[in-house]
Protein backbone atom coordinates (compact mmCIF):
# COMPACT_ATOMS: atom_id res chain seq x y z
CA MET A 1 -0.15 -0.24 -0.37
CA SER A 2 0.79 3.54 -0.42
CA LYS A 3 3.21 4.95 3.00
CA ILE A 4 0.78 8.42 2.46
CA LYS A 5 -2.85 7.65 3.06
CA ILE A 6 -6.15 9.88 2.19
CA VAL A 7 -8.69 10.56 4.46
CA THR A 8 -11.25 13.06 5.11
CA ASP A 9 -15.31 12.95 5.46
CA SER A 10 -18.70 12.78 3.99
CA SER A 11 -19.67 16.41 3.00
CA ILE A 12 -17.59 15.26 -0.29
CA THR A 13 -19.51 14.78 -3.21
CA ILE A 14 -17.78 12.10 -5.18
CA GLU A 15 -17.99 9.11 -6.69
CA PRO A 16 -17.77 5.61 -4.86
CA GLU A 17 -15.22 3.83 -7.38
CA LEU A 18 -12.94 6.42 -6.89
CA VAL A 19 -12.94 6.25 -3.14
CA GLU A 20 -12.52 2.59 -3.66
CA SER A 21 -9.64 2.71 -6.76
CA LEU A 22 -7.31 5.62 -4.97
CA GLY A 23 -7.60 3.57 -1.66
CA ILE A 24 -9.60 7.20 0.18
CA THR A 25 -11.43 7.01 3.69
CA VAL A 26 -14.65 9.31 4.21
CA VAL A 27 -15.27 10.20 7.89
CA PRO A 28 -18.99 9.88 8.64
CA LEU A 29 -20.84 12.74 10.10
CA SER A 30 -23.96 12.11 11.44
CA VAL A 31 -27.67 13.60 10.10
CA MET A 32 -30.45 13.20 13.22
CA ILE A 33 -34.27 13.73 11.68
CA ASP A 34 -37.07 13.88 14.15
CA GLY A 35 -35.12 12.16 16.50
CA VAL A 36 -33.93 9.41 14.63
CA VAL A 37 -29.36 10.10 14.42
CA TYR A 38 -28.16 8.59 10.35
CA ASN A 39 -24.82 7.80 9.84
CA ASP A 40 -24.02 9.93 6.79
CA ASN A 41 -22.56 7.34 4.07
CA ASP A 42 -26.12 5.25 4.38
CA LEU A 43 -27.47 7.75 2.97
CA LYS A 44 -25.44 8.06 -0.27
CA ASP A 45 -28.77 6.84 -2.67
CA GLU A 46 -29.98 8.99 -5.14
CA GLY A 47 -33.03 10.82 -3.83
CA LYS A 48 -32.49 9.27 0.43
CA PHE A 49 -32.08 11.82 2.26
CA LEU A 50 -33.88 13.77 0.35
CA HIS A 51 -37.19 12.43 0.94
CA LEU A 52 -36.53 11.93 4.92
CA MET A 53 -36.14 15.95 4.32
CA ARG A 54 -39.12 16.04 3.20
CA GLU A 55 -41.07 15.06 5.35
CA SER A 56 -39.76 15.54 8.40
CA LYS A 57 -41.34 18.08 10.92
CA GLU A 58 -37.90 19.46 11.92
CA LEU A 59 -34.62 20.90 10.12
CA PRO A 60 -32.78 18.01 9.80
CA LYS A 61 -29.37 18.33 11.92
CA THR A 62 -26.04 17.14 11.47
CA SER A 63 -23.22 16.72 13.39
CA GLN A 64 -19.58 16.28 13.00
CA PRO A 65 -17.67 13.41 13.43
CA PRO A 66 -16.59 12.70 16.99
CA VAL A 67 -13.14 13.10 17.83
CA GLY A 68 -12.65 9.13 18.88
CA LEU A 69 -13.49 8.08 15.62
CA PHE A 70 -11.02 10.03 13.69
CA ALA A 71 -8.34 9.04 16.58
CA GLU A 72 -9.82 5.18 15.79
CA VAL A 73 -9.63 5.90 12.07
CA TYR A 74 -5.79 7.14 12.19
CA GLU A 75 -5.01 3.90 14.35
CA ASN A 76 -5.73 1.61 12.20
CA LEU A 77 -4.14 2.92 8.88
CA VAL A 78 -1.44 3.28 10.63
CA LYS A 79 -0.97 -0.68 11.77
CA GLU A 80 -1.42 -1.20 8.37
CA GLY A 81 1.65 -0.17 7.10
CA ALA A 82 0.41 4.36 6.46
CA GLU A 83 3.61 5.62 7.78
CA HIS A 84 1.69 9.95 6.95
CA ILE A 85 -1.73 10.54 6.71
CA ILE A 86 -2.92 14.05 4.97
CA SER A 87 -6.46 14.04 6.83
CA ILE A 88 -8.72 17.04 4.00
CA HIS A 89 -11.98 18.03 6.05
CA ILE A 90 -14.95 21.21 4.47
CA THR A 91 -14.28 24.68 5.69
CA ASN A 92 -14.53 25.60 8.94
CA SER A 93 -16.33 28.17 8.49
CA LEU A 94 -19.44 25.40 8.29
CA SER A 95 -18.40 22.72 10.51
CA GLY A 96 -16.24 21.21 13.78
CA THR A 97 -15.37 18.43 11.45
CA VAL A 98 -11.84 20.06 11.28
CA GLU A 99 -11.00 20.53 15.22
CA ALA A 100 -12.59 16.78 15.76
CA ALA A 101 -9.95 15.28 12.53
CA ARG A 102 -6.97 17.27 15.00
CA GLN A 103 -7.59 16.49 18.10
CA GLY A 104 -8.49 12.65 16.97
CA ALA A 105 -4.49 13.42 15.83
CA VAL A 106 -3.47 13.74 18.57
CA ILE A 107 -5.05 11.22 20.49
CA ALA A 108 -4.02 8.42 18.15
CA GLY A 109 -0.40 9.77 18.41
CA ALA A 110 -0.17 10.04 14.66
CA ASP A 111 1.67 11.52 12.29
CA VAL A 112 -0.89 13.67 10.51
CA THR A 113 -1.50 16.67 8.87
CA VAL A 114 -5.06 18.10 9.13
CA ILE A 115 -5.47 20.27 6.08
CA ASP A 116 -8.47 22.29 5.97
CA SER A 117 -9.92 22.60 2.30
CA THR A 118 -11.85 25.60 2.82
CA PHE A 119 -14.44 24.30 0.50
CA THR A 120 -16.48 21.05 0.52
CA ASP A 121 -18.86 18.63 -2.33
CA GLN A 122 -16.85 17.96 -4.98
CA SER A 123 -14.04 21.35 -4.70
CA MET A 124 -12.88 19.44 -1.86
CA LYS A 125 -13.02 15.66 -3.88
CA HIS A 126 -10.33 17.81 -6.52
CA GLN A 127 -8.36 18.38 -3.67
CA VAL A 128 -8.89 14.83 -2.11
CA VAL A 129 -8.06 12.85 -5.47
CA GLN A 130 -5.65 15.13 -6.63
CA ALA A 131 -3.73 13.99 -3.38
CA ALA A 132 -4.14 10.34 -4.04
CA ILE A 133 -3.21 10.01 -6.78
CA LEU A 134 0.03 11.55 -5.69
CA ALA A 135 -0.01 8.41 -2.53
CA GLU A 136 -0.37 5.96 -5.05
CA GLN A 137 2.86 7.03 -7.99
CA GLY A 138 5.00 7.61 -4.71
CA ASP A 139 5.26 10.85 -3.95
CA SER A 140 6.39 12.09 -0.93
CA LEU A 141 4.74 14.35 2.07
CA GLU A 142 6.02 17.96 0.51
CA GLU A 143 5.34 16.93 -3.09
CA VAL A 144 1.59 15.50 -2.42
CA LEU A 145 0.87 18.52 0.24
CA ALA A 146 2.07 21.41 -1.97
CA LYS A 147 -0.62 19.49 -5.04
CA VAL A 148 -3.44 19.49 -1.84
CA GLU A 149 -2.44 24.14 -2.28
CA GLU A 150 -2.46 24.25 -5.52
CA VAL A 151 -5.30 22.97 -6.29
CA ARG A 152 -7.20 24.94 -3.92
CA LYS A 153 -5.60 28.41 -5.00
CA LYS A 154 -6.92 27.51 -8.39
CA SER A 155 -10.55 26.19 -6.96
CA GLU A 156 -14.45 28.00 -7.28
CA LEU A 157 -16.95 26.78 -5.36
CA PHE A 158 -20.57 28.47 -6.49
CA ILE A 159 -23.98 27.73 -4.75
CA GLY A 160 -27.39 27.89 -6.28
CA VAL A 161 -30.02 28.40 -3.31
CA SER A 162 -33.88 28.55 -3.89
CA THR A 163 -34.73 29.11 -0.53
CA LEU A 164 -32.80 31.03 2.26
CA GLU A 165 -34.58 29.39 5.46
CA ASN A 166 -32.67 26.35 5.91
CA LEU A 167 -28.84 28.34 5.42
CA VAL A 168 -31.28 31.02 8.24
CA LYS A 169 -32.58 28.42 10.34
CA GLY A 170 -29.41 25.91 10.25
CA GLY A 171 -27.10 29.05 11.24
CA ARG A 172 -25.32 28.59 8.29
CA ILE A 173 -25.31 33.03 7.24
CA GLY A 174 -26.82 35.85 9.16
CA ARG A 175 -29.50 38.67 9.00
CA VAL A 176 -26.61 40.91 8.57
CA SER A 177 -26.14 40.45 4.93
CA GLY A 178 -28.30 42.88 4.12
CA MET A 179 -30.21 40.88 1.91
CA LEU A 180 -33.09 38.53 4.05
CA SER A 181 -35.53 40.40 5.17
CA SER A 182 -38.35 38.18 4.96
CA LEU A 183 -37.73 37.77 1.15
CA LEU A 184 -36.64 33.85 2.17
CA ASN A 185 -38.16 32.94 -1.35
CA ILE A 186 -35.30 35.12 -3.16
CA ARG A 187 -32.84 32.94 -5.65
CA VAL A 188 -28.95 33.29 -4.89
CA VAL A 189 -25.80 32.36 -5.92
CA MET A 190 -23.44 32.67 -3.45
CA GLU A 191 -19.71 32.24 -3.75
CA LEU A 192 -17.34 30.14 -1.04
CA LYS A 193 -14.72 31.48 -0.76
CA ASN A 194 -11.97 30.81 2.03
CA GLY A 195 -14.26 29.81 3.30
CA ASN A 196 -17.18 32.57 3.80
CA LEU A 197 -20.73 32.33 1.94
CA ASN A 198 -20.39 35.47 -0.02
CA PRO A 199 -23.57 36.72 -2.41
CA VAL A 200 -23.24 38.00 -6.01
CA VAL A 201 -25.94 37.51 -7.44
CA LYS A 202 -29.68 38.03 -6.44
CA GLY A 203 -33.26 38.19 -7.92
CA ARG A 204 -36.49 36.48 -8.39
CA GLY A 205 -37.90 33.67 -10.86
CA HIS A 206 -34.89 30.19 -12.02
CA LYS A 207 -33.90 33.97 -14.81
CA THR A 208 -31.37 34.65 -12.10
CA PHE A 209 -29.67 31.18 -12.17
CA VAL A 210 -29.39 31.65 -16.22
CA LYS A 211 -28.37 35.37 -16.30
CA TRP A 212 -24.83 34.56 -13.51
CA LEU A 213 -24.46 30.81 -15.26
CA ASP A 214 -23.47 32.87 -18.68
CA SER A 215 -21.68 35.37 -16.92
CA PHE A 216 -20.03 32.72 -14.69
CA ILE A 217 -18.43 31.34 -18.22
CA GLU A 218 -17.54 34.75 -20.63
CA HIS A 219 -15.44 35.07 -16.17
CA ALA A 220 -14.29 30.69 -16.98
CA LYS A 221 -12.76 31.45 -19.63
CA GLN A 222 -10.56 33.69 -19.02
CA ARG A 223 -8.25 30.69 -17.68
CA PRO A 224 -8.18 27.33 -18.90
CA VAL A 225 -9.97 24.41 -17.29
CA ALA A 226 -9.00 20.75 -15.65
CA GLU A 227 -12.46 19.76 -14.15
CA ILE A 228 -15.16 21.39 -13.58
CA GLY A 229 -17.89 19.64 -11.09
CA ILE A 230 -21.66 20.05 -10.69
CA SER A 231 -23.56 19.23 -8.44
CA TYR A 232 -27.45 19.48 -6.83
CA SER A 233 -30.22 18.94 -4.89
CA GLY A 234 -33.52 17.57 -5.50
CA ASN A 235 -34.59 17.60 -9.81
CA PRO A 236 -31.46 16.97 -11.77
CA ASP A 237 -32.55 18.75 -14.94
CA TRP A 238 -31.13 22.40 -14.73
CA ALA A 239 -27.99 20.13 -13.45
CA ASN A 240 -27.63 18.67 -16.92
CA GLN A 241 -28.66 21.72 -18.65
CA MET A 242 -25.73 23.76 -17.18
CA LYS A 243 -23.53 20.69 -18.22
CA GLU A 244 -24.53 21.06 -21.89
CA LYS A 245 -23.68 24.77 -21.49
CA LEU A 246 -20.63 24.53 -19.84
CA GLU A 247 -18.96 22.17 -22.09
CA VAL A 248 -17.78 24.83 -24.16
CA LEU A 249 -15.10 24.82 -21.18
CA LEU A 250 -14.73 21.87 -21.35
CA ALA A 251 -15.38 18.45 -23.08
CA GLY A 252 -17.83 16.73 -21.25
CA ASP A 253 -16.91 13.36 -19.48
CA HIS A 254 -14.70 15.92 -18.02
CA ILE A 255 -17.67 17.49 -16.12
CA SER A 256 -19.22 15.60 -13.10
CA VAL A 257 -22.98 15.69 -11.98
CA MET A 258 -23.47 13.88 -8.66
CA GLU A 259 -26.27 14.71 -6.62
CA THR A 260 -24.80 15.92 -3.69
CA GLY A 261 -24.86 14.98 0.20
CA SER A 262 -26.99 14.87 3.16
CA ILE A 263 -24.52 17.68 4.71
CA ILE A 264 -24.92 20.31 1.73
CA GLN A 265 -28.05 19.47 1.07
CA THR A 266 -29.33 20.22 5.10
CA HIS A 267 -27.89 23.42 4.24
CA THR A 268 -29.31 24.45 1.36
CA GLY A 269 -32.58 22.59 0.95
CA GLU A 270 -33.48 21.51 -2.33
CA ASP A 271 -33.35 22.93 -5.98
CA ALA A 272 -29.85 24.48 -4.92
CA PHE A 273 -26.83 23.39 -7.16
CA ALA A 274 -23.48 24.56 -6.75
CA VAL A 275 -21.15 24.35 -9.19
CA MET A 276 -17.00 23.58 -9.03
CA VAL A 277 -14.36 24.68 -11.10
CA ARG A 278 -10.55 23.61 -11.19
CA TYR A 279 -8.27 25.55 -12.93
CA GLU A 280 -5.19 24.61 -14.33
């Protein structure tokens, strides 16, 4: 096995075959729905979590992995022969997972480098996959860490939501932005940058998203694109339409369209999407 092992958390949106082929360890967050706690890794079937959220009486609540679980994961990887562990996680502005990973590393006494990706979803996948590929190739710890930092700096993540209700209730966005007042049903596109959600455009109706996408494509044309990820919650039609438009930037086989996981859906609500770009 590779001397360097890659660990991440279940807020990542990634193809299962990549997890298996690259030997990536995914530590699950948990979601509580009407008093029942679910392991996030058990909610990955298409539409499973969305159905549960629609039927729930209250907004689901997400929880970071326990410190002890991280310690156990690291200890097991060391027993299996890992000399170094790189643990890449959801931005600490959205979750306490990074800090739990750091505490778990101390308990395990393992050689673990914990990284705040400053992203989540497929932008985190881009970092994790590149790290895992280099680790499999036998690159050094310094080379792998340098690649992760390079990918992070060359990434952009935009989130479009059809309602701000979940973000407000979940405490992930405040009313001080000046864009909320009582109008929770406006369409908003935000950029997740340096761990912060920054509003880019807002408006009423789906045309808000269409206009944003057209302007984003013109923006992205300024730099060579390495890969694009599109994630969605709810109906995938708009995600697939975006893929067709984004193919002007990159061949379709380099654009991944996937349903996002329960952690992100809890905060974005239904009919949300994310466009994530990694530049060359």
